[in-house]
């Protein structure tokens, strides 16, 4: 077994563990399934009145899956559909209840990840941040299609508004002509 195999194996196990940990924390704390939580978070953090199709792209869902998700969020009073950018489309917009739920999603995720990092010193967290930022840039470079990496992120925590988000910066380099989402 090579170093790459060994590190890759641990990284894969860690990725699944962190996914399970955050999904459980979000579901336990908010009552929202991961796909609903990701939709609420993306709508709150960086999507501004997206169409169902744009939301589908961000979440990596099929069109019918995104419609069903928006239907569930609408029925729960978390989103509403409003007039879209053209006469054929509808925009998905958070309600006040939906914004509050999105804030709870972010808080649950932050708490779970904070607990996972609690045994690291400040210096170790900085080193880990540097390494993970490089890893994320590589993931963005290699990724083609599917769900967006930042769909559950707290864009304030990553420093996106100051230009420090490794994922947003790598995406901007990879897709220089792509439209940018508003920074909040």
C-alpha atoms as a PDB file:
ATOM      1  CA  UNK A   1       0.000   0.000   0.000  1.00  0.00           C
ATOM      2  CA  UNK A   2       1.370   3.435  -0.924  1.00  0.00           C
ATOM      3  CA  UNK A   3       1.169   6.658   1.080  1.00  0.00           C
ATOM      4  CA  UNK A   4      -1.452   7.939  -1.374  1.00  0.00           C
ATOM      5  CA  UNK A   5      -3.534   4.789  -0.870  1.00  0.00           C
ATOM      6  CA  UNK A   6      -3.238   5.024   2.911  1.00  0.00           C
ATOM      7  CA  UNK A   7      -4.012   8.763   3.105  1.00  0.00           C
ATOM      8  CA  UNK A   8      -6.768   8.441   0.511  1.00  0.00           C
ATOM      9  CA  UNK A   9      -8.379   5.630   2.468  1.00  0.00           C
ATOM     10  CA  UNK A  10      -8.380   7.669   5.685  1.00  0.00           C
ATOM     11  CA  UNK A  11      -9.632  10.731   3.801  1.00  0.00           C
ATOM     12  CA  UNK A  12     -12.498   8.703   2.321  1.00  0.00           C
ATOM     13  CA  UNK A  13     -13.475   7.354   5.721  1.00  0.00           C
ATOM     14  CA  UNK A  14     -13.261  10.851   7.210  1.00  0.00           C
ATOM     15  CA  UNK A  15     -15.408  12.321   4.422  1.00  0.00           C
ATOM     16  CA  UNK A  16     -18.145   9.769   5.071  1.00  0.00           C
ATOM     17  CA  UNK A  17     -17.906  10.251   8.837  1.00  0.00           C
ATOM     18  CA  UNK A  18     -18.133  14.046   8.578  1.00  0.00           C
ATOM     19  CA  UNK A  19     -21.062  13.750   6.170  1.00  0.00           C
ATOM     20  CA  UNK A  20     -22.862  11.377   8.543  1.00  0.00           C
ATOM     21  CA  UNK A  21     -22.030  13.536  11.571  1.00  0.00           C
ATOM     22  CA  UNK A  22     -23.289  16.786  10.030  1.00  0.00           C
ATOM     23  CA  UNK A  23     -26.363  15.169   8.461  1.00  0.00           C
ATOM     24  CA  UNK A  24     -27.332  13.654  11.814  1.00  0.00           C
ATOM     25  CA  UNK A  25     -26.741  16.928  13.675  1.00  0.00           C
ATOM     26  CA  UNK A  26     -28.794  18.910  11.165  1.00  0.00           C
ATOM     27  CA  UNK A  27     -31.627  16.387  11.160  1.00  0.00           C
ATOM     28  CA  UNK A  28     -31.625  16.043  14.955  1.00  0.00           C
ATOM     29  CA  UNK A  29     -31.448  19.804  15.610  1.00  0.00           C
ATOM     30  CA  UNK A  30     -33.765  21.039  12.864  1.00  0.00           C
ATOM     31  CA  UNK A  31     -35.898  18.102  11.775  1.00  0.00           C
ATOM     32  CA  UNK A  32     -34.909  18.685   8.144  1.00  0.00           C
ATOM     33  CA  UNK A  33     -33.538  15.959   5.897  1.00  0.00           C
ATOM     34  CA  UNK A  34     -30.164  16.667   4.273  1.00  0.00           C
ATOM     35  CA  UNK A  35     -31.598  17.674   0.879  1.00  0.00           C
ATOM     36  CA  UNK A  36     -34.068  20.099   2.473  1.00  0.00           C
ATOM     37  CA  UNK A  37     -31.335  21.478   4.730  1.00  0.00           C
ATOM     38  CA  UNK A  38     -29.023  21.980   1.748  1.00  0.00           C
ATOM     39  CA  UNK A  39     -31.796  23.780  -0.153  1.00  0.00           C
ATOM     40  CA  UNK A  40     -32.553  26.083   2.782  1.00  0.00           C
ATOM     41  CA  UNK A  41     -28.864  26.793   3.326  1.00  0.00           C
ATOM     42  CA  UNK A  42     -28.156  27.523  -0.356  1.00  0.00           C
ATOM     43  CA  UNK A  43     -31.219  29.772  -0.603  1.00  0.00           C
ATOM     44  CA  UNK A  44     -30.102  31.661   2.489  1.00  0.00           C
ATOM     45  CA  UNK A  45     -26.366  31.803   1.826  1.00  0.00           C
ATOM     46  CA  UNK A  46     -25.948  32.482  -1.886  1.00  0.00           C
ATOM     47  CA  UNK A  47     -28.903  31.762  -4.147  1.00  0.00           C
ATOM     48  CA  UNK A  48     -31.011  34.814  -4.923  1.00  0.00           C
ATOM     49  CA  UNK A  49     -34.464  33.896  -6.241  1.00  0.00           C
ATOM     50  CA  UNK A  50     -33.318  30.835  -8.192  1.00  0.00           C
ATOM     51  CA  UNK A  51     -35.544  28.899 -10.523  1.00  0.00           C
ATOM     52  CA  UNK A  52     -36.306  25.301  -9.608  1.00  0.00           C
ATOM     53  CA  UNK A  53     -33.850  24.314 -12.321  1.00  0.00           C
ATOM     54  CA  UNK A  54     -31.017  26.359 -10.771  1.00  0.00           C
ATOM     55  CA  UNK A  55     -31.815  24.905  -7.340  1.00  0.00           C
ATOM     56  CA  UNK A  56     -31.798  21.436  -8.926  1.00  0.00           C
ATOM     57  CA  UNK A  57     -28.317  22.089 -10.335  1.00  0.00           C
ATOM     58  CA  UNK A  58     -26.981  23.303  -6.995  1.00  0.00           C
ATOM     59  CA  UNK A  59     -28.366  20.299  -5.117  1.00  0.00           C
ATOM     60  CA  UNK A  60     -27.557  17.710  -7.785  1.00  0.00           C
ATOM     61  CA  UNK A  61     -31.183  16.557  -8.030  1.00  0.00           C
ATOM     62  CA  UNK A  62     -33.306  15.503 -10.959  1.00  0.00           C
ATOM     63  CA  UNK A  63     -35.932  17.990 -12.090  1.00  0.00           C
ATOM     64  CA  UNK A  64     -38.736  15.916 -10.585  1.00  0.00           C
ATOM     65  CA  UNK A  65     -36.784  15.512  -7.331  1.00  0.00           C
ATOM     66  CA  UNK A  66     -36.274  19.276  -7.091  1.00  0.00           C
ATOM     67  CA  UNK A  67     -39.964  19.936  -7.784  1.00  0.00           C
ATOM     68  CA  UNK A  68     -40.977  17.484  -5.052  1.00  0.00           C
ATOM     69  CA  UNK A  69     -38.491  19.078  -2.632  1.00  0.00           C
ATOM     70  CA  UNK A  70     -39.767  22.596  -3.356  1.00  0.00           C
ATOM     71  CA  UNK A  71     -43.339  21.309  -2.970  1.00  0.00           C
ATOM     72  CA  UNK A  72     -42.456  19.930   0.499  1.00  0.00           C
ATOM     73  CA  UNK A  73     -40.678  23.145   1.527  1.00  0.00           C
ATOM     74  CA  UNK A  74     -43.619  25.194   0.259  1.00  0.00           C
ATOM     75  CA  UNK A  75     -46.137  23.029   2.130  1.00  0.00           C
ATOM     76  CA  UNK A  76     -44.076  23.504   5.307  1.00  0.00           C
ATOM     77  CA  UNK A  77     -44.168  27.291   4.846  1.00  0.00           C
ATOM     78  CA  UNK A  78     -40.404  27.535   4.331  1.00  0.00           C
ATOM     79  CA  UNK A  79     -40.426  28.791   0.723  1.00  0.00           C
ATOM     80  CA  UNK A  80     -42.827  30.368  -1.720  1.00  0.00           C
ATOM     81  CA  UNK A  81     -42.833  30.416  -5.484  1.00  0.00           C
ATOM     82  CA  UNK A  82     -42.892  33.853  -7.050  1.00  0.00           C
ATOM     83  CA  UNK A  83     -42.644  35.203 -10.577  1.00  0.00           C
ATOM     84  CA  UNK A  84     -39.352  34.202 -12.147  1.00  0.00           C
ATOM     85  CA  UNK A  85     -37.000  35.998 -14.498  1.00  0.00           C
ATOM     86  CA  UNK A  86     -39.243  35.217 -17.475  1.00  0.00           C
ATOM     87  CA  UNK A  87     -42.927  34.486 -17.999  1.00  0.00           C
ATOM     88  CA  UNK A  88     -42.372  30.704 -18.001  1.00  0.00           C
ATOM     89  CA  UNK A  89     -40.326  30.296 -14.814  1.00  0.00           C
ATOM     90  CA  UNK A  90     -40.932  30.604 -11.115  1.00  0.00           C
ATOM     91  CA  UNK A  91     -38.445  31.755  -8.496  1.00  0.00           C
ATOM     92  CA  UNK A  92     -38.012  29.953  -5.185  1.00  0.00           C
ATOM     93  CA  UNK A  93     -37.852  32.374  -2.249  1.00  0.00           C
ATOM     94  CA  UNK A  94     -37.349  31.748   1.460  1.00  0.00           C
ATOM     95  CA  UNK A  95     -40.063  32.880   3.831  1.00  0.00           C
ATOM     96  CA  UNK A  96     -39.195  34.327   7.242  1.00  0.00           C
ATOM     97  CA  UNK A  97     -39.797  30.843   8.651  1.00  0.00           C
ATOM     98  CA  UNK A  98     -37.476  29.417   5.987  1.00  0.00           C
ATOM     99  CA  UNK A  99     -34.727  31.943   6.823  1.00  0.00           C
ATOM    100  CA  UNK A 100     -34.978  31.019  10.490  1.00  0.00           C
ATOM    101  CA  UNK A 101     -34.752  27.326   9.580  1.00  0.00           C
ATOM    102  CA  UNK A 102     -31.700  28.013   7.396  1.00  0.00           C
ATOM    103  CA  UNK A 103     -29.993  29.785  10.289  1.00  0.00           C
ATOM    104  CA  UNK A 104     -30.664  26.716  12.468  1.00  0.00           C
ATOM    105  CA  UNK A 105     -29.211  24.443   9.748  1.00  0.00           C
ATOM    106  CA  UNK A 106     -26.013  26.509   9.672  1.00  0.00           C
ATOM    107  CA  UNK A 107     -25.782  26.540  13.472  1.00  0.00           C
ATOM    108  CA  UNK A 108     -26.229  22.763  13.699  1.00  0.00           C
ATOM    109  CA  UNK A 109     -23.576  22.168  11.054  1.00  0.00           C
ATOM    110  CA  UNK A 110     -21.190  24.638  12.689  1.00  0.00           C
ATOM    111  CA  UNK A 111     -21.626  22.988  16.098  1.00  0.00           C
ATOM    112  CA  UNK A 112     -21.024  19.495  14.719  1.00  0.00           C
ATOM    113  CA  UNK A 113     -17.907  20.548  12.834  1.00  0.00           C
ATOM    114  CA  UNK A 114     -16.643  22.580  15.797  1.00  0.00           C
ATOM    115  CA  UNK A 115     -16.950  19.537  18.014  1.00  0.00           C
ATOM    116  CA  UNK A 116     -15.003  17.470  15.485  1.00  0.00           C
ATOM    117  CA  UNK A 117     -12.177  20.046  15.521  1.00  0.00           C
ATOM    118  CA  UNK A 118     -12.177  20.672  19.267  1.00  0.00           C
ATOM    119  CA  UNK A 119      -9.102  18.561  20.006  1.00  0.00           C
ATOM    120  CA  UNK A 120      -6.917  20.592  17.625  1.00  0.00           C
ATOM    121  CA  UNK A 121      -4.904  23.611  18.708  1.00  0.00           C
ATOM    122  CA  UNK A 122      -5.319  26.918  16.870  1.00  0.00           C
ATOM    123  CA  UNK A 123      -2.072  26.264  14.985  1.00  0.00           C
ATOM    124  CA  UNK A 124      -3.155  22.771  14.005  1.00  0.00           C
ATOM    125  CA  UNK A 125      -6.497  24.128  12.766  1.00  0.00           C
ATOM    126  CA  UNK A 126      -4.637  26.714  10.646  1.00  0.00           C
ATOM    127  CA  UNK A 127      -2.411  24.011   9.155  1.00  0.00           C
ATOM    128  CA  UNK A 128      -5.454  21.838   8.480  1.00  0.00           C
ATOM    129  CA  UNK A 129      -7.220  24.824   6.870  1.00  0.00           C
ATOM    130  CA  UNK A 130      -4.269  25.386   4.540  1.00  0.00           C
ATOM    131  CA  UNK A 131      -4.159  21.735   3.518  1.00  0.00           C
ATOM    132  CA  UNK A 132      -7.934  21.438   3.116  1.00  0.00           C
ATOM    133  CA  UNK A 133      -8.007  24.616   1.022  1.00  0.00           C
ATOM    134  CA  UNK A 134      -5.480  23.075  -1.369  1.00  0.00           C
ATOM    135  CA  UNK A 135      -7.464  19.845  -1.425  1.00  0.00           C
ATOM    136  CA  UNK A 136     -10.703  21.717  -2.152  1.00  0.00           C
ATOM    137  CA  UNK A 137      -9.097  23.635  -5.013  1.00  0.00           C
ATOM    138  CA  UNK A 138      -8.047  20.309  -6.519  1.00  0.00           C
ATOM    139  CA  UNK A 139     -11.529  18.874  -6.061  1.00  0.00           C
ATOM    140  CA  UNK A 140     -13.072  21.863  -7.829  1.00  0.00           C
ATOM    141  CA  UNK A 141     -10.576  21.570 -10.666  1.00  0.00           C
ATOM    142  CA  UNK A 142     -11.388  17.866 -11.144  1.00  0.00           C
ATOM    143  CA  UNK A 143     -15.152  18.087 -10.534  1.00  0.00           C
ATOM    144  CA  UNK A 144     -17.467  18.105 -13.512  1.00  0.00           C
ATOM    145  CA  UNK A 145     -21.190  18.587 -12.911  1.00  0.00           C
ATOM    146  CA  UNK A 146     -23.343  17.306 -10.103  1.00  0.00           C
ATOM    147  CA  UNK A 147     -24.160  18.989  -6.821  1.00  0.00           C
ATOM    148  CA  UNK A 148     -22.335  22.145  -5.815  1.00  0.00           C
ATOM    149  CA  UNK A 149     -19.685  21.754  -3.145  1.00  0.00           C
ATOM    150  CA  UNK A 150     -20.803  24.800  -1.120  1.00  0.00           C
ATOM    151  CA  UNK A 151     -24.477  23.903  -0.858  1.00  0.00           C
ATOM    152  CA  UNK A 152     -24.288  23.672   2.954  1.00  0.00           C
ATOM    153  CA  UNK A 153     -21.479  26.161   3.570  1.00  0.00           C
ATOM    154  CA  UNK A 154     -21.514  29.216   5.759  1.00  0.00           C
ATOM    155  CA  UNK A 155     -20.100  31.705   3.261  1.00  0.00           C
ATOM    156  CA  UNK A 156     -19.189  34.113   6.045  1.00  0.00           C
ATOM    157  CA  UNK A 157     -17.053  31.481   7.791  1.00  0.00           C
ATOM    158  CA  UNK A 158     -15.038  30.685   4.676  1.00  0.00           C
ATOM    159  CA  UNK A 159     -14.317  34.341   3.973  1.00  0.00           C
ATOM    160  CA  UNK A 160     -16.078  34.352   0.622  1.00  0.00           C
ATOM    161  CA  UNK A 161     -16.994  38.030   0.888  1.00  0.00           C
ATOM    162  CA  UNK A 162     -13.316  38.892   1.387  1.00  0.00           C
ATOM    163  CA  UNK A 163     -12.193  36.634  -1.477  1.00  0.00           C
ATOM    164  CA  UNK A 164     -10.773  33.890   0.787  1.00  0.00           C
ATOM    165  CA  UNK A 165     -13.062  30.951  -0.071  1.00  0.00           C
ATOM    166  CA  UNK A 166     -10.870  28.256  -1.639  1.00  0.00           C
ATOM    167  CA  UNK A 167     -13.812  26.704  -3.454  1.00  0.00           C
ATOM    168  CA  UNK A 168     -15.148  29.967  -4.896  1.00  0.00           C
ATOM    169  CA  UNK A 169     -11.655  31.046  -5.933  1.00  0.00           C
ATOM    170  CA  UNK A 170     -10.936  27.722  -7.644  1.00  0.00           C
ATOM    171  CA  UNK A 171     -14.322  27.853  -9.403  1.00  0.00           C
ATOM    172  CA  UNK A 172     -13.650  31.421 -10.582  1.00  0.00           C
ATOM    173  CA  UNK A 173     -10.321  30.294 -12.029  1.00  0.00           C
ATOM    174  CA  UNK A 174     -11.887  27.261 -13.689  1.00  0.00           C
ATOM    175  CA  UNK A 175     -14.933  29.119 -15.038  1.00  0.00           C
ATOM    176  CA  UNK A 176     -13.810  32.737 -15.564  1.00  0.00           C
ATOM    177  CA  UNK A 177     -16.880  33.654 -17.650  1.00  0.00           C
ATOM    178  CA  UNK A 178     -19.479  32.098 -15.332  1.00  0.00           C
ATOM    179  CA  UNK A 179     -21.892  34.418 -13.543  1.00  0.00           C
ATOM    180  CA  UNK A 180     -21.085  34.972  -9.865  1.00  0.00           C
ATOM    181  CA  UNK A 181     -23.616  34.754  -7.130  1.00  0.00           C
ATOM    182  CA  UNK A 182     -24.036  37.826  -4.987  1.00  0.00           C
ATOM    183  CA  UNK A 183     -21.832  37.884  -1.933  1.00  0.00           C
ATOM    184  CA  UNK A 184     -23.862  38.234   1.243  1.00  0.00           C
END
